[in-house]
Amino acid sequence: MTEFTPLMSFAGGLLIGLSALLLMLTWGRIAGMTAIIGGILPPLGRDWSWKAAFLAGAILAPAALSMAGHTVEYAVPVSTTALIVGGLIAGIGVTFGSGCTSGHGICGMARLSRRSITATATFMAFAVATVFLIRHVFEVTI
């Protein structure tokens, strides 16, 4: 079970929203992590520099917190195989959904995009159904 941390969660949400807002205001781009990661892989496009900087911030900020003494305990309660299968399924969803949860859920919904609202509702419905099936139908305890 993950520890309930409402203040840290709220602060994290504010920082995610702020970074998405600043990216939109400064570069006119949406903070969809899939497109950002794809943009730093060869062949490099003309936008690769800001994408690399955005990803560096996403990696270095938690590293800086860790070096400052703030640690978050976590556990991965599934096998490596399950993580790989889940990643492949998410990749398929990103492809068919024309974007990821950050692009649709954070940025698209903030812009009141019908496509993003529909995509996010679909993500959430499948997440609820998956948890229900795993915990209550198949009775897998994690």
N, C-alpha and C. Protein backbone atom coordinates (compact mmCIF):
# COMPACT_ATOMS: atom_id res chain seq x y z
N MET A 1 0.84 -1.18 0.00
CA MET A 1 0.00 0.00 0.00
C MET A 1 0.89 1.24 0.00
N THR A 2 0.53 2.19 -0.82
CA THR A 2 1.28 3.43 -0.93
C THR A 2 0.87 4.38 0.19
N GLU A 3 1.84 5.06 0.77
CA GLU A 3 1.56 6.02 1.82
C GLU A 3 0.76 7.20 1.26
N PHE A 4 -0.23 7.66 1.99
CA PHE A 4 -1.06 8.79 1.58
C PHE A 4 -0.33 10.08 1.92
N THR A 5 0.00 10.84 0.88
CA THR A 5 0.76 12.09 1.06
C THR A 5 0.05 13.23 0.34
N PRO A 6 -1.01 13.76 0.91
CA PRO A 6 -1.79 14.77 0.18
C PRO A 6 -1.03 16.05 -0.13
N LEU A 7 -0.19 16.53 0.76
CA LEU A 7 0.52 17.78 0.49
C LEU A 7 1.57 17.60 -0.60
N MET A 8 2.34 16.53 -0.53
CA MET A 8 3.33 16.27 -1.57
C MET A 8 2.65 16.00 -2.91
N SER A 9 1.53 15.29 -2.88
CA SER A 9 0.79 15.00 -4.11
C SER A 9 0.25 16.29 -4.72
N PHE A 10 -0.29 17.16 -3.88
CA PHE A 10 -0.79 18.44 -4.34
C PHE A 10 0.33 19.29 -4.95
N ALA A 11 1.47 19.32 -4.25
CA ALA A 11 2.62 20.09 -4.76
C ALA A 11 3.10 19.51 -6.10
N GLY A 12 3.14 18.19 -6.20
CA GLY A 12 3.54 17.56 -7.45
C GLY A 12 2.58 17.88 -8.58
N GLY A 13 1.29 17.85 -8.29
CA GLY A 13 0.29 18.21 -9.29
C GLY A 13 0.43 19.65 -9.75
N LEU A 14 0.69 20.54 -8.80
CA LEU A 14 0.91 21.95 -9.16
C LEU A 14 2.12 22.11 -10.07
N LEU A 15 3.20 21.39 -9.76
CA LEU A 15 4.40 21.49 -10.59
C LEU A 15 4.17 20.92 -11.99
N ILE A 16 3.44 19.82 -12.08
CA ILE A 16 3.13 19.24 -13.39
C ILE A 16 2.29 20.23 -14.20
N GLY A 17 1.27 20.79 -13.56
CA GLY A 17 0.42 21.77 -14.25
C GLY A 17 1.20 23.01 -14.66
N LEU A 18 2.07 23.48 -13.78
CA LEU A 18 2.89 24.66 -14.08
C LEU A 18 3.83 24.39 -15.25
N SER A 19 4.45 23.20 -15.26
CA SER A 19 5.37 22.90 -16.36
C SER A 19 4.61 22.79 -17.69
N ALA A 20 3.41 22.21 -17.65
CA ALA A 20 2.60 22.11 -18.87
C ALA A 20 2.19 23.51 -19.35
N LEU A 21 1.81 24.37 -18.41
CA LEU A 21 1.43 25.73 -18.75
C LEU A 21 2.60 26.52 -19.33
N LEU A 22 3.76 26.43 -18.69
CA LEU A 22 4.93 27.15 -19.18
C LEU A 22 5.37 26.66 -20.55
N LEU A 23 5.27 25.35 -20.78
CA LEU A 23 5.62 24.82 -22.10
C LEU A 23 4.67 25.36 -23.16
N MET A 24 3.39 25.44 -22.84
CA MET A 24 2.41 25.97 -23.79
C MET A 24 2.65 27.46 -24.03
N LEU A 25 2.93 28.22 -22.96
CA LEU A 25 3.14 29.66 -23.10
C LEU A 25 4.43 30.01 -23.83
N THR A 26 5.49 29.25 -23.58
CA THR A 26 6.79 29.60 -24.16
C THR A 26 7.02 29.00 -25.54
N TRP A 27 6.63 27.75 -25.73
CA TRP A 27 6.91 27.06 -26.99
C TRP A 27 5.65 26.78 -27.80
N GLY A 28 4.47 26.98 -27.18
CA GLY A 28 3.23 26.68 -27.88
C GLY A 28 3.03 25.19 -28.11
N ARG A 29 3.59 24.37 -27.23
CA ARG A 29 3.54 22.92 -27.38
C ARG A 29 2.83 22.28 -26.20
N ILE A 30 2.32 21.08 -26.45
CA ILE A 30 1.61 20.31 -25.43
C ILE A 30 2.57 19.34 -24.75
N ALA A 31 2.47 19.21 -23.45
CA ALA A 31 3.36 18.35 -22.67
C ALA A 31 2.90 16.91 -22.68
N GLY A 32 2.85 16.32 -23.85
CA GLY A 32 2.56 14.89 -23.97
C GLY A 32 3.87 14.13 -23.93
N MET A 33 4.08 13.34 -22.90
CA MET A 33 5.38 12.70 -22.71
C MET A 33 5.76 11.76 -23.85
N THR A 34 4.80 11.08 -24.44
CA THR A 34 5.12 10.16 -25.53
C THR A 34 5.73 10.91 -26.72
N ALA A 35 5.13 12.01 -27.10
CA ALA A 35 5.67 12.80 -28.21
C ALA A 35 6.99 13.44 -27.84
N ILE A 36 7.15 13.82 -26.59
CA ILE A 36 8.41 14.42 -26.17
C ILE A 36 9.53 13.39 -26.21
N ILE A 37 9.28 12.20 -25.68
CA ILE A 37 10.30 11.15 -25.72
C ILE A 37 10.60 10.76 -27.16
N GLY A 38 9.56 10.61 -27.98
CA GLY A 38 9.76 10.28 -29.38
C GLY A 38 10.56 11.32 -30.12
N GLY A 39 10.49 12.56 -29.66
CA GLY A 39 11.19 13.66 -30.33
C GLY A 39 12.68 13.73 -30.06
N ILE A 40 13.16 12.95 -29.08
CA ILE A 40 14.61 12.96 -28.84
C ILE A 40 15.27 11.71 -29.41
N LEU A 41 14.48 10.87 -30.07
CA LEU A 41 15.04 9.69 -30.72
C LEU A 41 15.31 10.00 -32.18
N PRO A 42 16.35 9.39 -32.74
CA PRO A 42 16.64 9.64 -34.16
C PRO A 42 15.48 9.20 -35.05
N PRO A 43 15.22 9.89 -36.13
CA PRO A 43 15.89 11.09 -36.59
C PRO A 43 15.41 12.31 -35.78
N LEU A 44 16.34 13.13 -35.40
CA LEU A 44 16.03 14.30 -34.58
C LEU A 44 15.33 15.37 -35.39
N GLY A 45 14.25 15.90 -34.82
CA GLY A 45 13.53 17.00 -35.47
C GLY A 45 14.09 18.33 -35.00
N ARG A 46 13.50 19.40 -35.48
CA ARG A 46 14.00 20.72 -35.09
C ARG A 46 13.62 21.09 -33.66
N ASP A 47 12.68 20.37 -33.06
CA ASP A 47 12.25 20.66 -31.69
C ASP A 47 12.98 19.84 -30.64
N TRP A 48 14.02 19.12 -31.00
CA TRP A 48 14.62 18.18 -30.06
C TRP A 48 15.23 18.85 -28.84
N SER A 49 15.70 20.10 -28.95
CA SER A 49 16.40 20.74 -27.83
C SER A 49 15.47 21.00 -26.65
N TRP A 50 14.28 21.55 -26.88
CA TRP A 50 13.38 21.80 -25.76
C TRP A 50 12.85 20.48 -25.21
N LYS A 51 12.69 19.47 -26.08
CA LYS A 51 12.22 18.16 -25.60
C LYS A 51 13.27 17.52 -24.69
N ALA A 52 14.53 17.61 -25.07
CA ALA A 52 15.60 17.07 -24.23
C ALA A 52 15.67 17.82 -22.90
N ALA A 53 15.50 19.14 -22.93
CA ALA A 53 15.52 19.94 -21.70
C ALA A 53 14.34 19.58 -20.79
N PHE A 54 13.15 19.39 -21.38
CA PHE A 54 11.97 19.02 -20.60
C PHE A 54 12.18 17.68 -19.91
N LEU A 55 12.69 16.69 -20.65
CA LEU A 55 12.95 15.38 -20.07
C LEU A 55 14.05 15.43 -19.02
N ALA A 56 15.07 16.24 -19.27
CA ALA A 56 16.14 16.38 -18.28
C ALA A 56 15.57 16.93 -16.96
N GLY A 57 14.69 17.89 -17.05
CA GLY A 57 14.05 18.42 -15.84
C GLY A 57 13.21 17.39 -15.14
N ALA A 58 12.51 16.56 -15.92
CA ALA A 58 11.67 15.51 -15.32
C ALA A 58 12.51 14.46 -14.61
N ILE A 59 13.74 14.29 -15.04
CA ILE A 59 14.63 13.31 -14.41
C ILE A 59 15.45 13.95 -13.29
N LEU A 60 15.96 15.15 -13.53
CA LEU A 60 16.86 15.78 -12.57
C LEU A 60 16.14 16.33 -11.33
N ALA A 61 14.90 16.75 -11.46
CA ALA A 61 14.18 17.30 -10.29
C ALA A 61 14.01 16.25 -9.19
N PRO A 62 13.53 15.04 -9.49
CA PRO A 62 13.46 14.03 -8.43
C PRO A 62 14.85 13.63 -7.92
N ALA A 63 15.85 13.61 -8.80
CA ALA A 63 17.21 13.28 -8.37
C ALA A 63 17.71 14.34 -7.38
N ALA A 64 17.41 15.61 -7.64
CA ALA A 64 17.82 16.69 -6.73
C ALA A 64 17.11 16.55 -5.39
N LEU A 65 15.85 16.21 -5.40
CA LEU A 65 15.12 15.98 -4.15
C LEU A 65 15.76 14.84 -3.36
N SER A 66 16.12 13.79 -4.06
CA SER A 66 16.74 12.65 -3.41
C SER A 66 18.08 13.04 -2.78
N MET A 67 18.87 13.82 -3.51
CA MET A 67 20.16 14.26 -2.97
C MET A 67 19.98 15.21 -1.79
N ALA A 68 18.84 15.89 -1.74
CA ALA A 68 18.56 16.80 -0.63
C ALA A 68 18.04 16.05 0.60
N GLY A 69 17.93 14.74 0.47
CA GLY A 69 17.53 13.93 1.62
C GLY A 69 16.09 13.48 1.63
N HIS A 70 15.31 13.88 0.64
CA HIS A 70 13.90 13.46 0.60
C HIS A 70 13.81 12.16 -0.21
N THR A 71 13.40 11.12 0.46
CA THR A 71 13.25 9.84 -0.23
C THR A 71 11.81 9.37 -0.14
N VAL A 72 11.40 8.65 -1.14
CA VAL A 72 10.06 8.07 -1.16
C VAL A 72 10.23 6.56 -1.30
N GLU A 73 9.72 5.84 -0.32
CA GLU A 73 9.80 4.39 -0.40
C GLU A 73 8.72 3.90 -1.34
N TYR A 74 9.07 2.94 -2.15
CA TYR A 74 8.10 2.37 -3.08
C TYR A 74 8.44 0.91 -3.30
N ALA A 75 7.48 0.19 -3.78
CA ALA A 75 7.67 -1.22 -4.12
C ALA A 75 6.99 -1.47 -5.45
N VAL A 76 7.55 -2.35 -6.23
CA VAL A 76 6.95 -2.74 -7.50
C VAL A 76 6.41 -4.16 -7.28
N PRO A 77 5.10 -4.28 -7.07
CA PRO A 77 4.53 -5.57 -6.66
C PRO A 77 4.24 -6.53 -7.81
N VAL A 78 4.83 -6.31 -8.97
CA VAL A 78 4.61 -7.22 -10.09
C VAL A 78 5.97 -7.61 -10.69
N SER A 79 5.95 -8.64 -11.49
CA SER A 79 7.18 -9.14 -12.10
C SER A 79 7.65 -8.23 -13.23
N THR A 80 8.89 -8.42 -13.62
CA THR A 80 9.44 -7.67 -14.76
C THR A 80 8.65 -7.99 -16.02
N THR A 81 8.25 -9.24 -16.18
CA THR A 81 7.45 -9.64 -17.34
C THR A 81 6.14 -8.86 -17.38
N ALA A 82 5.49 -8.73 -16.23
CA ALA A 82 4.23 -7.98 -16.17
C ALA A 82 4.46 -6.52 -16.52
N LEU A 83 5.57 -5.95 -16.09
CA LEU A 83 5.88 -4.56 -16.43
C LEU A 83 6.09 -4.39 -17.93
N ILE A 84 6.79 -5.34 -18.54
CA ILE A 84 7.03 -5.27 -19.99
C ILE A 84 5.72 -5.42 -20.76
N VAL A 85 4.89 -6.37 -20.37
CA VAL A 85 3.59 -6.56 -21.04
C VAL A 85 2.73 -5.30 -20.86
N GLY A 86 2.71 -4.74 -19.65
CA GLY A 86 1.95 -3.51 -19.41
C GLY A 86 2.47 -2.36 -20.25
N GLY A 87 3.78 -2.25 -20.40
CA GLY A 87 4.37 -1.20 -21.23
C GLY A 87 3.98 -1.36 -22.69
N LEU A 88 3.98 -2.60 -23.18
CA LEU A 88 3.57 -2.85 -24.57
C LEU A 88 2.10 -2.50 -24.78
N ILE A 89 1.26 -2.88 -23.83
CA ILE A 89 -0.17 -2.55 -23.93
C ILE A 89 -0.36 -1.03 -23.91
N ALA A 90 0.36 -0.35 -23.03
CA ALA A 90 0.27 1.11 -22.98
C ALA A 90 0.74 1.73 -24.29
N GLY A 91 1.80 1.18 -24.87
CA GLY A 91 2.30 1.68 -26.15
C GLY A 91 1.28 1.52 -27.27
N ILE A 92 0.58 0.41 -27.26
CA ILE A 92 -0.49 0.19 -28.25
C ILE A 92 -1.60 1.21 -28.04
N GLY A 93 -1.97 1.43 -26.78
CA GLY A 93 -3.01 2.41 -26.47
C GLY A 93 -2.63 3.82 -26.88
N VAL A 94 -1.37 4.17 -26.66
CA VAL A 94 -0.88 5.50 -27.05
C VAL A 94 -0.98 5.67 -28.56
N THR A 95 -0.65 4.61 -29.28
CA THR A 95 -0.69 4.67 -30.75
C THR A 95 -2.12 4.84 -31.25
N PHE A 96 -3.02 4.00 -30.76
CA PHE A 96 -4.42 4.08 -31.22
C PHE A 96 -5.15 5.29 -30.66
N GLY A 97 -4.73 5.77 -29.47
CA GLY A 97 -5.38 6.92 -28.85
C GLY A 97 -4.83 8.25 -29.28
N SER A 98 -3.84 8.23 -30.15
CA SER A 98 -3.19 9.46 -30.64
C SER A 98 -2.66 10.32 -29.51
N GLY A 99 -2.09 9.69 -28.51
CA GLY A 99 -1.51 10.44 -27.40
C GLY A 99 -1.55 9.66 -26.12
N CYS A 100 -0.90 10.20 -25.10
CA CYS A 100 -0.80 9.52 -23.82
C CYS A 100 -1.64 10.23 -22.75
N THR A 101 -1.59 9.68 -21.56
CA THR A 101 -2.40 10.24 -20.47
C THR A 101 -1.99 11.66 -20.13
N SER A 102 -0.71 11.98 -20.24
CA SER A 102 -0.30 13.35 -19.92
C SER A 102 -0.77 14.33 -20.99
N GLY A 103 -0.64 13.95 -22.24
CA GLY A 103 -1.08 14.84 -23.32
C GLY A 103 -2.57 15.05 -23.31
N HIS A 104 -3.33 13.96 -23.19
CA HIS A 104 -4.79 14.07 -23.18
C HIS A 104 -5.32 14.52 -21.82
N GLY A 105 -4.86 13.84 -20.76
CA GLY A 105 -5.43 14.07 -19.43
C GLY A 105 -5.09 15.41 -18.81
N ILE A 106 -3.88 15.88 -19.02
CA ILE A 106 -3.48 17.15 -18.41
C ILE A 106 -3.70 18.30 -19.37
N CYS A 107 -3.13 18.18 -20.55
CA CYS A 107 -3.16 19.32 -21.48
C CYS A 107 -4.44 19.37 -22.30
N GLY A 108 -4.86 18.24 -22.84
CA GLY A 108 -6.05 18.22 -23.70
C GLY A 108 -7.32 18.58 -22.96
N MET A 109 -7.48 18.03 -21.76
CA MET A 109 -8.69 18.35 -20.99
C MET A 109 -8.70 19.81 -20.55
N ALA A 110 -7.52 20.35 -20.25
CA ALA A 110 -7.44 21.77 -19.87
C ALA A 110 -7.86 22.67 -21.02
N ARG A 111 -7.68 22.20 -22.25
CA ARG A 111 -8.09 22.96 -23.43
C ARG A 111 -9.51 22.61 -23.86
N LEU A 112 -10.19 21.77 -23.06
CA LEU A 112 -11.56 21.33 -23.32
C LEU A 112 -11.70 20.61 -24.67
N SER A 113 -10.66 19.85 -25.03
CA SER A 113 -10.68 19.07 -26.25
C SER A 113 -11.60 17.86 -26.08
N ARG A 114 -12.61 17.75 -26.95
CA ARG A 114 -13.53 16.61 -26.86
C ARG A 114 -12.79 15.29 -27.03
N ARG A 115 -11.83 15.27 -27.95
CA ARG A 115 -11.07 14.04 -28.18
C ARG A 115 -10.29 13.65 -26.93
N SER A 116 -9.70 14.62 -26.25
CA SER A 116 -8.94 14.34 -25.04
C SER A 116 -9.85 13.93 -23.88
N ILE A 117 -10.98 14.57 -23.76
CA ILE A 117 -11.93 14.20 -22.70
C ILE A 117 -12.40 12.77 -22.92
N THR A 118 -12.70 12.41 -24.16
CA THR A 118 -13.12 11.04 -24.49
C THR A 118 -12.00 10.05 -24.20
N ALA A 119 -10.78 10.39 -24.61
CA ALA A 119 -9.64 9.50 -24.38
C ALA A 119 -9.39 9.31 -22.89
N THR A 120 -9.45 10.38 -22.11
CA THR A 120 -9.22 10.28 -20.67
C THR A 120 -10.32 9.48 -19.99
N ALA A 121 -11.55 9.68 -20.40
CA ALA A 121 -12.65 8.87 -19.85
C ALA A 121 -12.44 7.39 -20.17
N THR A 122 -11.93 7.12 -21.36
CA THR A 122 -11.65 5.72 -21.74
C THR A 122 -10.51 5.15 -20.90
N PHE A 123 -9.42 5.92 -20.71
CA PHE A 123 -8.31 5.46 -19.86
C PHE A 123 -8.84 5.09 -18.47
N MET A 124 -9.62 6.01 -17.91
CA MET A 124 -10.10 5.82 -16.55
C MET A 124 -11.07 4.63 -16.44
N ALA A 125 -11.95 4.48 -17.41
CA ALA A 125 -12.89 3.36 -17.40
C ALA A 125 -12.14 2.03 -17.45
N PHE A 126 -11.14 1.95 -18.31
CA PHE A 126 -10.37 0.71 -18.41
C PHE A 126 -9.53 0.48 -17.16
N ALA A 127 -9.04 1.53 -16.53
CA ALA A 127 -8.28 1.38 -15.30
C ALA A 127 -9.17 0.82 -14.19
N VAL A 128 -10.38 1.37 -14.05
CA VAL A 128 -11.32 0.90 -13.05
C VAL A 128 -11.70 -0.55 -13.33
N ALA A 129 -11.99 -0.88 -14.58
CA ALA A 129 -12.36 -2.24 -14.95
C ALA A 129 -11.21 -3.22 -14.68
N THR A 130 -9.99 -2.80 -14.98
CA THR A 130 -8.83 -3.67 -14.76
C THR A 130 -8.64 -3.96 -13.27
N VAL A 131 -8.70 -2.92 -12.45
CA VAL A 131 -8.55 -3.12 -11.01
C VAL A 131 -9.67 -4.01 -10.48
N PHE A 132 -10.91 -3.78 -10.92
CA PHE A 132 -12.02 -4.59 -10.47
C PHE A 132 -11.81 -6.06 -10.84
N LEU A 133 -11.44 -6.31 -12.10
CA LEU A 133 -11.23 -7.69 -12.54
C LEU A 133 -10.10 -8.37 -11.78
N ILE A 134 -8.98 -7.67 -11.64
CA ILE A 134 -7.83 -8.28 -10.98
C ILE A 134 -8.11 -8.55 -9.51
N ARG A 135 -8.72 -7.61 -8.83
CA ARG A 135 -8.91 -7.77 -7.37
C ARG A 135 -10.15 -8.55 -6.99
N HIS A 136 -11.23 -8.41 -7.75
CA HIS A 136 -12.50 -9.00 -7.32
C HIS A 136 -12.93 -10.23 -8.12
N VAL A 137 -12.55 -10.30 -9.37
CA VAL A 137 -12.94 -11.46 -10.18
C VAL A 137 -11.85 -12.53 -10.13
N PHE A 138 -10.62 -12.13 -10.42
CA PHE A 138 -9.50 -13.08 -10.42
C PHE A 138 -8.87 -13.19 -9.04
N GLU A 139 -9.23 -12.30 -8.12
CA GLU A 139 -8.78 -12.29 -6.72
C GLU A 139 -7.26 -12.34 -6.58
N VAL A 140 -6.59 -11.55 -7.40
CA VAL A 140 -5.14 -11.41 -7.30
C VAL A 140 -4.85 -10.36 -6.24
N THR A 141 -4.05 -10.70 -5.26
CA THR A 141 -3.70 -9.72 -4.23
C THR A 141 -2.29 -9.22 -4.51
N ILE A 142 -2.16 -7.94 -4.43
CA ILE A 142 -0.85 -7.32 -4.68
C ILE A 142 -0.42 -6.62 -3.43
